[in-house]
Amino acid sequence: YAAYRGLDKAKYRACLTDDYVLLENGELLDADGDLA
């Protein structure tokens, strides 16, 4: 969350695995979708 708050996409991406999945608001996002 600190990386997310900092709006540093590279630092945030470094917190994620290559197969990262986010389930939020009924949506399924991968790392690229989350970063977008």
PDB file of all heavy atoms in Angstrom:
ATOM      1  N   TYR A   1       0.813  -1.222   0.000  1.00  0.00           N
ATOM      2  CA  TYR A   1       0.000   0.000   0.000  1.00  0.00           C
ATOM      3  C   TYR A   1       0.843   1.267   0.000  1.00  0.00           C
ATOM      4  O   TYR A   1       0.442   2.274  -0.584  1.00  0.00           O
ATOM      5  CB  TYR A   1      -1.009  -0.023   1.152  1.00  0.00           C
ATOM      6  CG  TYR A   1      -2.184  -0.880   0.789  1.00  0.00           C
ATOM      7  CD1 TYR A   1      -2.256  -2.201   1.199  1.00  0.00           C
ATOM      8  CD2 TYR A   1      -3.191  -0.386  -0.028  1.00  0.00           C
ATOM      9  CE1 TYR A   1      -3.319  -3.004   0.825  1.00  0.00           C
ATOM     10  CE2 TYR A   1      -4.250  -1.182  -0.410  1.00  0.00           C
ATOM     11  CZ  TYR A   1      -4.310  -2.494   0.020  1.00  0.00           C
ATOM     12  OH  TYR A   1      -5.358  -3.288  -0.373  1.00  0.00           O
ATOM     13  N   ALA A   2       2.005   1.235   0.619  1.00  0.00           N
ATOM     14  CA  ALA A   2       2.897   2.403   0.588  1.00  0.00           C
ATOM     15  C   ALA A   2       3.349   2.665  -0.843  1.00  0.00           C
ATOM     16  O   ALA A   2       3.386   3.821  -1.285  1.00  0.00           O
ATOM     17  CB  ALA A   2       4.102   2.190   1.505  1.00  0.00           C
ATOM     18  N   ALA A   3       3.661   1.616  -1.586  1.00  0.00           N
ATOM     19  CA  ALA A   3       4.057   1.778  -2.988  1.00  0.00           C
ATOM     20  C   ALA A   3       2.881   2.303  -3.815  1.00  0.00           C
ATOM     21  O   ALA A   3       3.052   3.173  -4.671  1.00  0.00           O
ATOM     22  CB  ALA A   3       4.567   0.457  -3.548  1.00  0.00           C
ATOM     23  N   TYR A   4       1.689   1.800  -3.541  1.00  0.00           N
ATOM     24  CA  TYR A   4       0.497   2.273  -4.254  1.00  0.00           C
ATOM     25  C   TYR A   4       0.247   3.750  -3.963  1.00  0.00           C
ATOM     26  O   TYR A   4       0.004   4.534  -4.877  1.00  0.00           O
ATOM     27  CB  TYR A   4      -0.722   1.429  -3.850  1.00  0.00           C
ATOM     28  CG  TYR A   4      -1.948   1.743  -4.667  1.00  0.00           C
ATOM     29  CD1 TYR A   4      -2.176   1.082  -5.865  1.00  0.00           C
ATOM     30  CD2 TYR A   4      -2.873   2.700  -4.252  1.00  0.00           C
ATOM     31  CE1 TYR A   4      -3.295   1.365  -6.630  1.00  0.00           C
ATOM     32  CE2 TYR A   4      -3.994   2.987  -5.008  1.00  0.00           C
ATOM     33  CZ  TYR A   4      -4.194   2.326  -6.190  1.00  0.00           C
ATOM     34  OH  TYR A   4      -5.298   2.619  -6.945  1.00  0.00           O
ATOM     35  N   ARG A   5       0.310   4.114  -2.670  1.00  0.00           N
ATOM     36  CA  ARG A   5       0.107   5.517  -2.269  1.00  0.00           C
ATOM     37  C   ARG A   5       1.148   6.431  -2.894  1.00  0.00           C
ATOM     38  O   ARG A   5       0.863   7.578  -3.200  1.00  0.00           O
ATOM     39  CB  ARG A   5       0.235   5.658  -0.747  1.00  0.00           C
ATOM     40  CG  ARG A   5      -0.969   5.444   0.041  1.00  0.00           C
ATOM     41  CD  ARG A   5      -0.792   5.879   1.496  1.00  0.00           C
ATOM     42  NE  ARG A   5       0.465   5.531   2.124  1.00  0.00           N
ATOM     43  CZ  ARG A   5       0.707   4.393   2.756  1.00  0.00           C
ATOM     44  NH1 ARG A   5      -0.226   3.468   2.830  1.00  0.00           N
ATOM     45  NH2 ARG A   5       1.870   4.172   3.316  1.00  0.00           N
ATOM     46  N   GLY A   6       2.363   5.925  -3.034  1.00  0.00           N
ATOM     47  CA  GLY A   6       3.465   6.716  -3.573  1.00  0.00           C
ATOM     48  C   GLY A   6       3.375   6.930  -5.074  1.00  0.00           C
ATOM     49  O   GLY A   6       4.167   7.686  -5.639  1.00  0.00           O
ATOM     50  N   LEU A   7       2.424   6.245  -5.716  1.00  0.00           N
ATOM     51  CA  LEU A   7       2.193   6.384  -7.156  1.00  0.00           C
ATOM     52  C   LEU A   7       3.432   6.042  -7.977  1.00  0.00           C
ATOM     53  O   LEU A   7       3.608   6.529  -9.085  1.00  0.00           O
ATOM     54  CB  LEU A   7       1.698   7.800  -7.500  1.00  0.00           C
ATOM     55  CG  LEU A   7       0.468   8.275  -6.731  1.00  0.00           C
ATOM     56  CD1 LEU A   7       0.101   9.695  -7.133  1.00  0.00           C
ATOM     57  CD2 LEU A   7      -0.708   7.324  -6.933  1.00  0.00           C
ATOM     58  N   ASP A   8       4.288   5.192  -7.432  1.00  0.00           N
ATOM     59  CA  ASP A   8       5.502   4.751  -8.123  1.00  0.00           C
ATOM     60  C   ASP A   8       5.212   3.376  -8.717  1.00  0.00           C
ATOM     61  O   ASP A   8       5.266   2.362  -8.028  1.00  0.00           O
ATOM     62  CB  ASP A   8       6.656   4.699  -7.131  1.00  0.00           C
ATOM     63  CG  ASP A   8       7.975   4.323  -7.774  1.00  0.00           C
ATOM     64  OD1 ASP A   8       7.959   3.656  -8.840  1.00  0.00           O
ATOM     65  OD2 ASP A   8       9.012   4.682  -7.199  1.00  0.00           O
ATOM     66  N   LYS A   9       4.889   3.363 -10.006  1.00  0.00           N
ATOM     67  CA  LYS A   9       4.473   2.116 -10.643  1.00  0.00           C
ATOM     68  C   LYS A   9       5.561   1.055 -10.625  1.00  0.00           C
ATOM     69  O   LYS A   9       5.267  -0.127 -10.460  1.00  0.00           O
ATOM     70  CB  LYS A   9       3.978   2.387 -12.065  1.00  0.00           C
ATOM     71  CG  LYS A   9       2.661   3.152 -12.070  1.00  0.00           C
ATOM     72  CD  LYS A   9       2.092   3.322 -13.452  1.00  0.00           C
ATOM     73  CE  LYS A   9       0.763   4.061 -13.352  1.00  0.00           C
ATOM     74  NZ  LYS A   9       0.015   4.058 -14.592  1.00  0.00           N
ATOM     75  N   ALA A  10       6.807   1.450 -10.770  1.00  0.00           N
ATOM     76  CA  ALA A  10       7.900   0.470 -10.747  1.00  0.00           C
ATOM     77  C   ALA A  10       8.033  -0.146  -9.351  1.00  0.00           C
ATOM     78  O   ALA A  10       8.197  -1.369  -9.215  1.00  0.00           O
ATOM     79  CB  ALA A  10       9.207   1.125 -11.169  1.00  0.00           C
ATOM     80  N   LYS A  11       7.961   0.661  -8.327  1.00  0.00           N
ATOM     81  CA  LYS A  11       8.061   0.157  -6.959  1.00  0.00           C
ATOM     82  C   LYS A  11       6.855  -0.726  -6.627  1.00  0.00           C
ATOM     83  O   LYS A  11       6.997  -1.770  -6.000  1.00  0.00           O
ATOM     84  CB  LYS A  11       8.163   1.327  -5.975  1.00  0.00           C
ATOM     85  CG  LYS A  11       8.461   0.912  -4.569  1.00  0.00           C
ATOM     86  CD  LYS A  11       8.708   2.126  -3.677  1.00  0.00           C
ATOM     87  CE  LYS A  11       9.033   1.709  -2.263  1.00  0.00           C
ATOM     88  NZ  LYS A  11       9.256   2.853  -1.387  1.00  0.00           N
ATOM     89  N   TYR A  12       5.678  -0.295  -7.075  1.00  0.00           N
ATOM     90  CA  TYR A  12       4.472  -1.079  -6.846  1.00  0.00           C
ATOM     91  C   TYR A  12       4.584  -2.427  -7.563  1.00  0.00           C
ATOM     92  O   TYR A  12       4.307  -3.470  -6.984  1.00  0.00           O
ATOM     93  CB  TYR A  12       3.254  -0.299  -7.333  1.00  0.00           C
ATOM     94  CG  TYR A  12       1.930  -0.997  -7.138  1.00  0.00           C
ATOM     95  CD1 TYR A  12       1.421  -1.222  -5.865  1.00  0.00           C
ATOM     96  CD2 TYR A  12       1.187  -1.421  -8.224  1.00  0.00           C
ATOM     97  CE1 TYR A  12       0.204  -1.856  -5.679  1.00  0.00           C
ATOM     98  CE2 TYR A  12      -0.035  -2.049  -8.058  1.00  0.00           C
ATOM     99  CZ  TYR A  12      -0.515  -2.266  -6.781  1.00  0.00           C
ATOM    100  OH  TYR A  12      -1.728  -2.904  -6.609  1.00  0.00           O
ATOM    101  N   ARG A  13       5.022  -2.402  -8.817  1.00  0.00           N
ATOM    102  CA  ARG A  13       5.155  -3.638  -9.611  1.00  0.00           C
ATOM    103  C   ARG A  13       6.126  -4.608  -8.940  1.00  0.00           C
ATOM    104  O   ARG A  13       5.939  -5.816  -8.983  1.00  0.00           O
ATOM    105  CB  ARG A  13       5.608  -3.303 -11.041  1.00  0.00           C
ATOM    106  CG  ARG A  13       5.755  -4.507 -11.950  1.00  0.00           C
ATOM    107  CD  ARG A  13       4.401  -5.168 -12.156  1.00  0.00           C
ATOM    108  NE  ARG A  13       4.474  -6.347 -12.962  1.00  0.00           N
ATOM    109  CZ  ARG A  13       4.567  -7.590 -12.467  1.00  0.00           C
ATOM    110  NH1 ARG A  13       4.632  -7.800 -11.179  1.00  0.00           N
ATOM    111  NH2 ARG A  13       4.583  -8.624 -13.268  1.00  0.00           N
ATOM    112  N   ALA A  14       7.155  -4.067  -8.290  1.00  0.00           N
ATOM    113  CA  ALA A  14       8.141  -4.908  -7.607  1.00  0.00           C
ATOM    114  C   ALA A  14       7.532  -5.632  -6.401  1.00  0.00           C
ATOM    115  O   ALA A  14       8.096  -6.619  -5.926  1.00  0.00           O
ATOM    116  CB  ALA A  14       9.336  -4.070  -7.171  1.00  0.00           C
ATOM    117  N   CYS A  15       6.384  -5.174  -5.924  1.00  0.00           N
ATOM    118  CA  CYS A  15       5.691  -5.832  -4.798  1.00  0.00           C
ATOM    119  C   CYS A  15       4.857  -7.019  -5.265  1.00  0.00           C
ATOM    120  O   CYS A  15       4.338  -7.768  -4.436  1.00  0.00           O
ATOM    121  CB  CYS A  15       4.755  -4.839  -4.099  1.00  0.00           C
ATOM    122  SG  CYS A  15       5.568  -3.475  -3.276  1.00  0.00           S
ATOM    123  N   LEU A  16       4.715  -7.197  -6.571  1.00  0.00           N
ATOM    124  CA  LEU A  16       3.808  -8.191  -7.130  1.00  0.00           C
ATOM    125  C   LEU A  16       4.548  -9.376  -7.732  1.00  0.00           C
ATOM    126  O   LEU A  16       5.640  -9.218  -8.282  1.00  0.00           O
ATOM    127  CB  LEU A  16       2.953  -7.551  -8.230  1.00  0.00           C
ATOM    128  CG  LEU A  16       2.291  -6.213  -7.916  1.00  0.00           C
ATOM    129  CD1 LEU A  16       1.559  -5.693  -9.142  1.00  0.00           C
ATOM    130  CD2 LEU A  16       1.370  -6.335  -6.719  1.00  0.00           C
ATOM    131  N   THR A  17       3.926 -10.552  -7.677  1.00  0.00           N
ATOM    132  CA  THR A  17       4.455 -11.704  -8.389  1.00  0.00           C
ATOM    133  C   THR A  17       4.118 -11.550  -9.874  1.00  0.00           C
ATOM    134  O   THR A  17       3.267 -10.740 -10.248  1.00  0.00           O
ATOM    135  CB  THR A  17       3.849 -13.023  -7.863  1.00  0.00           C
ATOM    136  OG1 THR A  17       2.428 -12.985  -8.068  1.00  0.00           O
ATOM    137  CG2 THR A  17       4.177 -13.238  -6.392  1.00  0.00           C
ATOM    138  N   ASP A  18       4.761 -12.341 -10.709  1.00  0.00           N
ATOM    139  CA  ASP A  18       4.493 -12.270 -12.152  1.00  0.00           C
ATOM    140  C   ASP A  18       3.068 -12.688 -12.498  1.00  0.00           C
ATOM    141  O   ASP A  18       2.528 -12.245 -13.510  1.00  0.00           O
ATOM    142  CB  ASP A  18       5.491 -13.139 -12.926  1.00  0.00           C
ATOM    143  CG  ASP A  18       6.901 -12.577 -12.853  1.00  0.00           C
ATOM    144  OD1 ASP A  18       7.060 -11.355 -12.635  1.00  0.00           O
ATOM    145  OD2 ASP A  18       7.856 -13.368 -13.008  1.00  0.00           O
ATOM    146  N   ASP A  19       2.454 -13.515 -11.659  1.00  0.00           N
ATOM    147  CA  ASP A  19       1.094 -13.986 -11.929  1.00  0.00           C
ATOM    148  C   ASP A  19       0.061 -13.336 -11.004  1.00  0.00           C
ATOM    149  O   ASP A  19      -1.009 -13.882 -10.759  1.00  0.00           O
ATOM    150  CB  ASP A  19       1.028 -15.506 -11.810  1.00  0.00           C
ATOM    151  CG  ASP A  19       1.441 -16.016 -10.436  1.00  0.00           C
ATOM    152  OD1 ASP A  19       2.008 -15.241  -9.630  1.00  0.00           O
ATOM    153  OD2 ASP A  19       1.204 -17.207 -10.155  1.00  0.00           O
ATOM    154  N   TYR A  20       0.361 -12.142 -10.521  1.00  0.00           N
ATOM    155  CA  TYR A  20      -0.506 -11.387  -9.600  1.00  0.00           C
ATOM    156  C   TYR A  20      -1.933 -11.260 -10.136  1.00  0.00           C
ATOM    157  O   TYR A  20      -2.152 -11.052 -11.333  1.00  0.00           O
ATOM    158  CB  TYR A  20       0.092  -9.996  -9.406  1.00  0.00           C
ATOM    159  CG  TYR A  20      -0.814  -8.969  -8.772  1.00  0.00           C
ATOM    160  CD1 TYR A  20      -1.011  -8.943  -7.401  1.00  0.00           C
ATOM    161  CD2 TYR A  20      -1.444  -8.001  -9.550  1.00  0.00           C
ATOM    162  CE1 TYR A  20      -1.816  -7.981  -6.813  1.00  0.00           C
ATOM    163  CE2 TYR A  20      -2.244  -7.032  -8.964  1.00  0.00           C
ATOM    164  CZ  TYR A  20      -2.428  -7.033  -7.603  1.00  0.00           C
ATOM    165  OH  TYR A  20      -3.222  -6.075  -7.024  1.00  0.00           O
ATOM    166  N   VAL A  21      -2.894 -11.379  -9.217  1.00  0.00           N
ATOM    167  CA  VAL A  21      -4.314 -11.227  -9.545  1.00  0.00           C
ATOM    168  C   VAL A  21      -4.958 -10.351  -8.471  1.00  0.00           C
ATOM    169  O   VAL A  21      -4.735 -10.549  -7.280  1.00  0.00           O
ATOM    170  CB  VAL A  21      -5.033 -12.597  -9.589  1.00  0.00           C
ATOM    171  CG1 VAL A  21      -6.524 -12.430  -9.832  1.00  0.00           C
ATOM    172  CG2 VAL A  21      -4.422 -13.490 -10.651  1.00  0.00           C
ATOM    173  N   LEU A  22      -5.768  -9.388  -8.921  1.00  0.00           N
ATOM    174  CA  LEU A  22      -6.552  -8.534  -8.029  1.00  0.00           C
ATOM    175  C   LEU A  22      -8.024  -8.804  -8.288  1.00  0.00           C
ATOM    176  O   LEU A  22      -8.478  -8.754  -9.441  1.00  0.00           O
ATOM    177  CB  LEU A  22      -6.248  -7.048  -8.294  1.00  0.00           C
ATOM    178  CG  LEU A  22      -7.175  -6.029  -7.621  1.00  0.00           C
ATOM    179  CD1 LEU A  22      -7.048  -6.091  -6.099  1.00  0.00           C
ATOM    180  CD2 LEU A  22      -6.869  -4.621  -8.122  1.00  0.00           C
ATOM    181  N   LEU A  23      -8.764  -9.095  -7.211  1.00  0.00           N
ATOM    182  CA  LEU A  23     -10.212  -9.259  -7.296  1.00  0.00           C
ATOM    183  C   LEU A  23     -10.818  -8.115  -6.503  1.00  0.00           C
ATOM    184  O   LEU A  23     -10.683  -8.057  -5.275  1.00  0.00           O
ATOM    185  CB  LEU A  23     -10.640 -10.598  -6.679  1.00  0.00           C
ATOM    186  CG  LEU A  23     -10.051 -11.820  -7.362  1.00  0.00           C
ATOM    187  CD1 LEU A  23      -8.954 -12.405  -6.504  1.00  0.00           C
ATOM    188  CD2 LEU A  23     -11.126 -12.823  -7.623  1.00  0.00           C
ATOM    189  N   GLU A  24     -11.432  -7.171  -7.206  1.00  0.00           N
ATOM    190  CA  GLU A  24     -11.982  -5.988  -6.549  1.00  0.00           C
ATOM    191  C   GLU A  24     -13.171  -5.473  -7.343  1.00  0.00           C
ATOM    192  O   GLU A  24     -13.130  -5.414  -8.575  1.00  0.00           O
ATOM    193  CB  GLU A  24     -10.901  -4.908  -6.451  1.00  0.00           C
ATOM    194  CG  GLU A  24     -11.346  -3.671  -5.695  1.00  0.00           C
ATOM    195  CD  GLU A  24     -10.212  -2.676  -5.504  1.00  0.00           C
ATOM    196  OE1 GLU A  24      -9.483  -2.400  -6.467  1.00  0.00           O
ATOM    197  OE2 GLU A  24     -10.078  -2.175  -4.381  1.00  0.00           O
ATOM    198  N   ASN A  25     -14.213  -5.077  -6.627  1.00  0.00           N
ATOM    199  CA  ASN A  25     -15.417  -4.512  -7.245  1.00  0.00           C
ATOM    200  C   ASN A  25     -15.982  -5.416  -8.339  1.00  0.00           C
ATOM    201  O   ASN A  25     -16.440  -4.942  -9.365  1.00  0.00           O
ATOM    202  CB  ASN A  25     -15.130  -3.121  -7.826  1.00  0.00           C
ATOM    203  CG  ASN A  25     -14.680  -2.146  -6.765  1.00  0.00           C
ATOM    204  OD1 ASN A  25     -15.126  -2.201  -5.630  1.00  0.00           O
ATOM    205  ND2 ASN A  25     -13.778  -1.260  -7.135  1.00  0.00           N
ATOM    206  N   GLY A  26     -15.936  -6.706  -8.123  1.00  0.00           N
ATOM    207  CA  GLY A  26     -16.468  -7.647  -9.100  1.00  0.00           C
ATOM    208  C   GLY A  26     -15.618  -7.806 -10.339  1.00  0.00           C
ATOM    209  O   GLY A  26     -16.050  -8.417 -11.312  1.00  0.00           O
ATOM    210  N   GLU A  27     -14.406  -7.268 -10.321  1.00  0.00           N
ATOM    211  CA  GLU A  27     -13.514  -7.369 -11.471  1.00  0.00           C
ATOM    212  C   GLU A  27     -12.306  -8.222 -11.140  1.00  0.00           C
ATOM    213  O   GLU A  27     -11.892  -8.324  -9.988  1.00  0.00           O
ATOM    214  CB  GLU A  27     -13.046  -5.978 -11.900  1.00  0.00           C
ATOM    215  CG  GLU A  27     -14.166  -5.111 -12.445  1.00  0.00           C
ATOM    216  CD  GLU A  27     -13.641  -3.815 -13.022  1.00  0.00           C
ATOM    217  OE1 GLU A  27     -12.617  -3.857 -13.720  1.00  0.00           O
ATOM    218  OE2 GLU A  27     -14.257  -2.778 -12.755  1.00  0.00           O
ATOM    219  N   LEU A  28     -11.739  -8.813 -12.170  1.00  0.00           N
ATOM    220  CA  LEU A  28     -10.544  -9.627 -12.071  1.00  0.00           C
ATOM    221  C   LEU A  28      -9.471  -8.949 -12.913  1.00  0.00           C
ATOM    222  O   LEU A  28      -9.628  -8.827 -14.128  1.00  0.00           O
ATOM    223  CB  LEU A  28     -10.852 -11.032 -12.600  1.00  0.00           C
ATOM    224  CG  LEU A  28      -9.751 -12.054 -12.603  1.00  0.00           C
ATOM    225  CD1 LEU A  28      -9.349 -12.414 -11.181  1.00  0.00           C
ATOM    226  CD2 LEU A  28     -10.210 -13.298 -13.348  1.00  0.00           C
ATOM    227  N   LEU A  29      -8.407  -8.451 -12.250  1.00  0.00           N
ATOM    228  CA  LEU A  29      -7.353  -7.727 -12.953  1.00  0.00           C
ATOM    229  C   LEU A  29      -6.013  -8.406 -12.757  1.00  0.00           C
ATOM    230  O   LEU A  29      -5.723  -8.914 -11.676  1.00  0.00           O
ATOM    231  CB  LEU A  29      -7.248  -6.289 -12.437  1.00  0.00           C
ATOM    232  CG  LEU A  29      -8.462  -5.381 -12.590  1.00  0.00           C
ATOM    233  CD1 LEU A  29      -8.241  -4.075 -11.836  1.00  0.00           C
ATOM    234  CD2 LEU A  29      -8.726  -5.116 -14.053  1.00  0.00           C
ATOM    235  N   ASP A  30      -5.171  -8.358 -13.788  1.00  0.00           N
ATOM    236  CA  ASP A  30      -3.787  -8.777 -13.633  1.00  0.00           C
ATOM    237  C   ASP A  30      -2.955  -7.540 -13.298  1.00  0.00           C
ATOM    238  O   ASP A  30      -3.510  -6.445 -13.123  1.00  0.00           O
ATOM    239  CB  ASP A  30      -3.277  -9.492 -14.886  1.00  0.00           C
ATOM    240  CG  ASP A  30      -3.268  -8.618 -16.135  1.00  0.00           C
ATOM    241  OD1 ASP A  30      -3.518  -7.390 -16.049  1.00  0.00           O
ATOM    242  OD2 ASP A  30      -2.994  -9.159 -17.224  1.00  0.00           O
ATOM    243  N   ALA A  31      -1.654  -7.687 -13.204  1.00  0.00           N
ATOM    244  CA  ALA A  31      -0.793  -6.560 -12.825  1.00  0.00           C
ATOM    245  C   ALA A  31      -0.929  -5.402 -13.811  1.00  0.00           C
ATOM    246  O   ALA A  31      -1.041  -4.242 -13.399  1.00  0.00           O
ATOM    247  CB  ALA A  31       0.661  -7.007 -12.725  1.00  0.00           C
ATOM    248  N   ASP A  32      -0.935  -5.686 -15.096  1.00  0.00           N
ATOM    249  CA  ASP A  32      -1.050  -4.615 -16.087  1.00  0.00           C
ATOM    250  C   ASP A  32      -2.377  -3.870 -15.950  1.00  0.00           C
ATOM    251  O   ASP A  32      -2.425  -2.644 -16.043  1.00  0.00           O
ATOM    252  CB  ASP A  32      -0.904  -5.170 -17.510  1.00  0.00           C
ATOM    253  CG  ASP A  32       0.513  -5.664 -17.795  1.00  0.00           C
ATOM    254  OD1 ASP A  32       1.471  -5.190 -17.133  1.00  0.00           O
ATOM    255  OD2 ASP A  32       0.656  -6.533 -18.681  1.00  0.00           O
ATOM    256  N   GLY A  33      -3.462  -4.605 -15.719  1.00  0.00           N
ATOM    257  CA  GLY A  33      -4.766  -3.976 -15.541  1.00  0.00           C
ATOM    258  C   GLY A  33      -4.822  -3.124 -14.290  1.00  0.00           C
ATOM    259  O   GLY A  33      -5.407  -2.038 -14.287  1.00  0.00           O
ATOM    260  N   ASP A  34      -4.206  -3.608 -13.215  1.00  0.00           N
ATOM    261  CA  ASP A  34      -4.169  -2.859 -11.960  1.00  0.00           C
ATOM    262  C   ASP A  34      -3.350  -1.580 -12.135  1.00  0.00           C
ATOM    263  O   ASP A  34      -3.777  -0.496 -11.730  1.00  0.00           O
ATOM    264  CB  ASP A  34      -3.585  -3.742 -10.856  1.00  0.00           C
ATOM    265  CG  ASP A  34      -3.707  -3.141  -9.465  1.00  0.00           C
ATOM    266  OD1 ASP A  34      -4.447  -2.155  -9.284  1.00  0.00           O
ATOM    267  OD2 ASP A  34      -3.070  -3.678  -8.540  1.00  0.00           O
ATOM    268  N   LEU A  35      -2.198  -1.700 -12.769  1.00  0.00           N
ATOM    269  CA  LEU A  35      -1.350  -0.527 -12.982  1.00  0.00           C
ATOM    270  C   LEU A  35      -2.023   0.498 -13.902  1.00  0.00           C
ATOM    271  O   LEU A  35      -1.831   1.701 -13.743  1.00  0.00           O
ATOM    272  CB  LEU A  35      -0.002  -0.946 -13.560  1.00  0.00           C
ATOM    273  CG  LEU A  35       0.917  -1.653 -12.558  1.00  0.00           C
ATOM    274  CD1 LEU A  35       2.038  -2.389 -13.278  1.00  0.00           C
ATOM    275  CD2 LEU A  35       1.479  -0.659 -11.565  1.00  0.00           C
ATOM    276  N   ALA A  36      -2.836   0.036 -14.841  1.00  0.00           N
ATOM    277  CA  ALA A  36      -3.502   0.939 -15.772  1.00  0.00           C
ATOM    278  C   ALA A  36      -4.496   1.865 -15.078  1.00  0.00           C
ATOM    279  O   ALA A  36      -4.725   2.989 -15.536  1.00  0.00           O
ATOM    280  CB  ALA A  36      -4.207   0.137 -16.874  1.00  0.00           C
TER     281      ALA A  36
END
